[in-house]
């Protein structure tokens, strides 16, 4: 149901993306069916983060709409880690 892959030009290492196989344009418009889309994303993301050895922490980010910084018009969950991350992101 989801695809997981590394970002080709990450801003933090490692960075990988979790995306639904069928494109969903906006998270707020995703339909609920069984387990929610955000729940699936987080479950898959945390498993992948553990697989990559991100045991000291990682950041999970989802942008929706241009005002939130979304540059790609489909839902994607970004997992960042590997070093200390500051706030504000970006």
N, C-alpha and C. Protein backbone atom coordinates (compact mmCIF):
# COMPACT_ATOMS: atom_id res chain seq x y z
N UNK A 1 0.80 -1.20 0.00
CA UNK A 1 0.00 0.00 0.00
C UNK A 1 0.84 1.26 0.00
N UNK A 2 2.10 1.14 0.45
CA UNK A 2 2.98 2.31 0.51
C UNK A 2 4.32 1.99 -0.13
N UNK A 3 4.97 3.00 -0.64
CA UNK A 3 6.31 2.89 -1.19
C UNK A 3 7.26 3.62 -0.24
N UNK A 4 8.46 3.09 -0.08
CA UNK A 4 9.48 3.71 0.77
C UNK A 4 10.75 3.80 -0.06
N UNK A 5 11.35 5.00 -0.09
CA UNK A 5 12.60 5.15 -0.83
C UNK A 5 13.39 6.33 -0.30
N UNK A 6 14.70 6.33 -0.57
CA UNK A 6 15.57 7.42 -0.13
C UNK A 6 15.40 8.63 -1.04
N UNK A 7 15.50 9.81 -0.46
CA UNK A 7 15.44 11.05 -1.22
C UNK A 7 16.74 11.20 -2.00
N UNK A 8 16.66 11.63 -3.26
CA UNK A 8 17.86 11.78 -4.08
C UNK A 8 18.69 13.01 -3.72
N UNK A 9 18.08 14.04 -3.13
CA UNK A 9 18.83 15.22 -2.71
C UNK A 9 18.39 15.63 -1.30
N UNK A 10 18.78 14.85 -0.31
CA UNK A 10 18.32 15.11 1.06
C UNK A 10 18.96 16.35 1.67
N UNK A 11 18.23 17.00 2.57
CA UNK A 11 18.75 18.15 3.32
C UNK A 11 19.33 17.67 4.64
N UNK A 12 18.99 16.48 5.07
CA UNK A 12 19.52 15.85 6.27
C UNK A 12 19.71 14.38 5.94
N UNK A 13 20.69 13.76 6.56
CA UNK A 13 20.95 12.35 6.27
C UNK A 13 20.64 11.52 7.49
N UNK A 14 20.07 10.36 7.36
CA UNK A 14 19.37 9.93 6.16
C UNK A 14 18.01 10.58 6.05
N UNK A 15 17.51 10.66 4.86
CA UNK A 15 16.16 11.14 4.61
C UNK A 15 15.51 10.14 3.68
N UNK A 16 14.35 9.66 4.08
CA UNK A 16 13.61 8.80 3.18
C UNK A 16 12.15 9.19 3.19
N UNK A 17 11.44 8.77 2.17
CA UNK A 17 10.06 9.14 1.96
C UNK A 17 9.17 7.91 2.02
N UNK A 18 7.98 8.10 2.58
CA UNK A 18 6.94 7.07 2.57
C UNK A 18 5.77 7.68 1.83
N UNK A 19 5.31 7.00 0.77
CA UNK A 19 4.23 7.52 -0.05
C UNK A 19 3.23 6.41 -0.34
N UNK A 20 1.95 6.75 -0.49
CA UNK A 20 0.98 5.73 -0.89
C UNK A 20 1.22 5.32 -2.34
N UNK A 21 0.96 4.05 -2.66
CA UNK A 21 1.11 3.59 -4.04
C UNK A 21 0.18 4.35 -4.97
N UNK A 22 -1.05 4.58 -4.51
CA UNK A 22 -1.99 5.37 -5.29
C UNK A 22 -1.88 6.81 -4.83
N UNK A 23 -1.57 7.75 -5.72
CA UNK A 23 -1.36 9.13 -5.31
C UNK A 23 -2.57 9.73 -4.60
N UNK A 24 -2.30 10.40 -3.51
CA UNK A 24 -3.30 11.18 -2.78
C UNK A 24 -2.78 12.60 -2.76
N UNK A 25 -3.57 13.54 -3.26
CA UNK A 25 -3.11 14.91 -3.42
C UNK A 25 -2.99 15.63 -2.07
N UNK A 26 -3.99 15.50 -1.21
CA UNK A 26 -3.97 16.19 0.07
C UNK A 26 -4.32 15.22 1.19
N UNK A 27 -3.56 15.26 2.27
CA UNK A 27 -3.83 14.40 3.41
C UNK A 27 -5.21 14.65 3.97
N UNK A 28 -5.64 15.90 3.99
CA UNK A 28 -6.96 16.24 4.55
C UNK A 28 -8.10 15.65 3.73
N UNK A 29 -7.82 15.24 2.49
CA UNK A 29 -8.85 14.67 1.64
C UNK A 29 -8.75 13.14 1.53
N UNK A 30 -7.80 12.54 2.25
CA UNK A 30 -7.65 11.09 2.20
C UNK A 30 -8.85 10.43 2.85
N UNK A 31 -9.34 9.38 2.23
CA UNK A 31 -10.50 8.67 2.76
C UNK A 31 -10.05 7.65 3.79
N UNK A 32 -10.85 7.49 4.82
CA UNK A 32 -10.56 6.49 5.84
C UNK A 32 -11.04 5.12 5.35
N UNK A 33 -10.17 4.14 5.46
CA UNK A 33 -10.56 2.76 5.14
C UNK A 33 -9.72 1.85 6.03
N UNK A 34 -10.35 1.29 7.04
CA UNK A 34 -9.60 0.45 7.99
C UNK A 34 -8.63 1.31 8.76
N UNK A 35 -7.34 0.94 8.72
CA UNK A 35 -6.32 1.73 9.38
C UNK A 35 -6.14 3.03 8.61
N UNK A 36 -6.03 4.11 9.31
CA UNK A 36 -5.93 5.41 8.66
C UNK A 36 -4.61 5.55 7.91
N UNK A 37 -4.61 6.40 6.89
CA UNK A 37 -3.40 6.65 6.12
C UNK A 37 -2.27 7.17 7.01
N UNK A 38 -2.51 8.16 7.88
CA UNK A 38 -1.41 8.60 8.76
C UNK A 38 -0.88 7.47 9.64
N UNK A 39 -1.77 6.61 10.11
CA UNK A 39 -1.32 5.48 10.92
C UNK A 39 -0.42 4.53 10.15
N UNK A 40 -0.79 4.24 8.91
CA UNK A 40 0.06 3.38 8.06
C UNK A 40 1.41 4.03 7.82
N UNK A 41 1.40 5.33 7.51
CA UNK A 41 2.66 6.05 7.27
C UNK A 41 3.59 5.95 8.47
N UNK A 42 3.07 6.24 9.64
CA UNK A 42 3.89 6.25 10.85
C UNK A 42 4.42 4.85 11.15
N UNK A 43 3.58 3.84 11.02
CA UNK A 43 4.01 2.47 11.27
C UNK A 43 5.13 2.06 10.33
N UNK A 44 4.97 2.33 9.05
CA UNK A 44 6.01 1.99 8.07
C UNK A 44 7.25 2.84 8.30
N UNK A 45 7.06 4.12 8.58
CA UNK A 45 8.20 5.01 8.82
C UNK A 45 9.03 4.61 10.02
N UNK A 46 8.39 4.26 11.12
CA UNK A 46 9.16 3.88 12.31
C UNK A 46 9.91 2.57 12.09
N UNK A 47 9.32 1.64 11.33
CA UNK A 47 10.02 0.39 11.03
C UNK A 47 11.25 0.66 10.17
N UNK A 48 11.10 1.54 9.19
CA UNK A 48 12.23 1.86 8.32
C UNK A 48 13.32 2.61 9.08
N UNK A 49 12.92 3.52 9.97
CA UNK A 49 13.89 4.26 10.79
C UNK A 49 14.68 3.29 11.66
N UNK A 50 14.01 2.31 12.27
CA UNK A 50 14.70 1.31 13.08
C UNK A 50 15.66 0.50 12.22
N UNK A 51 15.23 0.14 11.00
CA UNK A 51 16.07 -0.62 10.08
C UNK A 51 17.34 0.16 9.73
N UNK A 52 17.23 1.49 9.64
CA UNK A 52 18.38 2.34 9.32
C UNK A 52 19.23 2.67 10.55
N UNK A 53 18.81 2.19 11.72
CA UNK A 53 19.58 2.42 12.93
C UNK A 53 19.36 3.77 13.58
N UNK A 54 18.25 4.42 13.30
CA UNK A 54 17.97 5.73 13.89
C UNK A 54 17.38 5.55 15.29
N UNK A 55 18.19 5.01 16.20
CA UNK A 55 17.71 4.68 17.53
C UNK A 55 17.74 5.87 18.48
N UNK A 56 18.48 6.91 18.16
CA UNK A 56 18.56 8.09 19.02
C UNK A 56 17.52 9.13 18.68
N UNK A 57 16.66 8.85 17.71
CA UNK A 57 15.59 9.78 17.36
C UNK A 57 15.58 10.11 15.88
N UNK A 58 14.44 10.59 15.45
CA UNK A 58 14.25 11.00 14.06
C UNK A 58 13.07 11.95 14.02
N UNK A 59 12.95 12.68 12.93
CA UNK A 59 11.84 13.61 12.73
C UNK A 59 10.93 13.08 11.65
N UNK A 60 9.63 13.22 11.86
CA UNK A 60 8.61 12.84 10.89
C UNK A 60 7.93 14.13 10.45
N UNK A 61 7.82 14.35 9.14
CA UNK A 61 7.22 15.58 8.64
C UNK A 61 6.29 15.30 7.47
N UNK A 62 5.15 15.98 7.49
CA UNK A 62 4.21 15.93 6.38
C UNK A 62 3.76 17.37 6.13
N UNK A 63 3.92 17.85 4.92
CA UNK A 63 3.46 19.19 4.55
C UNK A 63 2.17 19.05 3.74
N UNK A 64 1.27 20.00 3.92
CA UNK A 64 0.06 20.01 3.10
C UNK A 64 -0.19 21.42 2.61
N UNK A 65 -0.07 21.58 1.32
CA UNK A 65 -0.32 22.86 0.69
C UNK A 65 0.91 23.74 0.62
N UNK A 66 0.91 24.67 -0.31
CA UNK A 66 2.07 25.53 -0.53
C UNK A 66 2.45 26.39 0.67
N UNK A 67 1.48 26.81 1.47
CA UNK A 67 1.80 27.64 2.64
C UNK A 67 2.53 26.84 3.72
N UNK A 68 2.43 25.53 3.67
CA UNK A 68 3.16 24.67 4.61
C UNK A 68 4.51 24.26 4.05
N UNK A 69 4.83 24.70 2.85
CA UNK A 69 6.11 24.36 2.24
C UNK A 69 6.07 23.16 1.31
N UNK A 70 4.88 22.67 1.01
CA UNK A 70 4.76 21.52 0.13
C UNK A 70 5.20 21.92 -1.28
N UNK A 71 6.15 21.15 -1.83
CA UNK A 71 6.63 21.42 -3.18
C UNK A 71 6.18 20.36 -4.17
N UNK A 72 5.82 19.19 -3.67
CA UNK A 72 5.33 18.10 -4.51
C UNK A 72 3.87 17.89 -4.17
N UNK A 73 3.00 17.90 -5.16
CA UNK A 73 1.56 17.87 -4.91
C UNK A 73 1.02 16.47 -4.74
N UNK A 74 1.50 15.75 -3.77
CA UNK A 74 0.94 14.47 -3.34
C UNK A 74 1.46 14.20 -1.93
N UNK A 75 0.70 13.41 -1.19
CA UNK A 75 1.03 13.14 0.20
C UNK A 75 2.32 12.33 0.27
N UNK A 76 3.22 12.77 1.14
CA UNK A 76 4.45 12.03 1.41
C UNK A 76 4.87 12.31 2.84
N UNK A 77 5.35 11.30 3.51
CA UNK A 77 5.86 11.42 4.86
C UNK A 77 7.38 11.40 4.76
N UNK A 78 8.02 12.40 5.33
CA UNK A 78 9.48 12.45 5.30
C UNK A 78 10.02 12.06 6.67
N UNK A 79 11.05 11.20 6.68
CA UNK A 79 11.73 10.78 7.89
C UNK A 79 13.16 11.29 7.80
N UNK A 80 13.56 12.10 8.77
CA UNK A 80 14.91 12.67 8.80
C UNK A 80 15.59 12.22 10.08
N UNK A 81 16.88 12.02 10.02
CA UNK A 81 17.62 11.62 11.21
C UNK A 81 19.10 11.50 10.92
N UNK A 82 19.81 10.93 11.88
CA UNK A 82 21.24 10.71 11.70
C UNK A 82 22.12 11.73 12.39
N UNK A 83 21.55 12.86 12.78
CA UNK A 83 22.28 13.86 13.55
C UNK A 83 21.27 14.73 14.31
N UNK A 84 21.76 15.59 15.18
CA UNK A 84 20.87 16.44 15.97
C UNK A 84 20.14 17.41 15.05
N UNK A 85 18.81 17.44 15.17
CA UNK A 85 17.99 18.30 14.34
C UNK A 85 17.51 19.49 15.17
N UNK A 86 17.68 20.69 14.63
CA UNK A 86 17.24 21.89 15.35
C UNK A 86 15.81 22.23 15.04
N UNK A 87 15.34 23.31 15.63
CA UNK A 87 14.00 23.81 15.37
C UNK A 87 14.14 25.27 15.05
N UNK A 88 13.63 25.82 14.09
CA UNK A 88 12.60 25.39 13.20
C UNK A 88 13.19 24.63 12.03
N UNK A 89 12.48 23.60 11.56
CA UNK A 89 13.00 22.86 10.41
C UNK A 89 12.92 23.69 9.14
N UNK A 90 13.82 23.40 8.22
CA UNK A 90 13.79 24.07 6.92
C UNK A 90 14.47 25.34 7.03
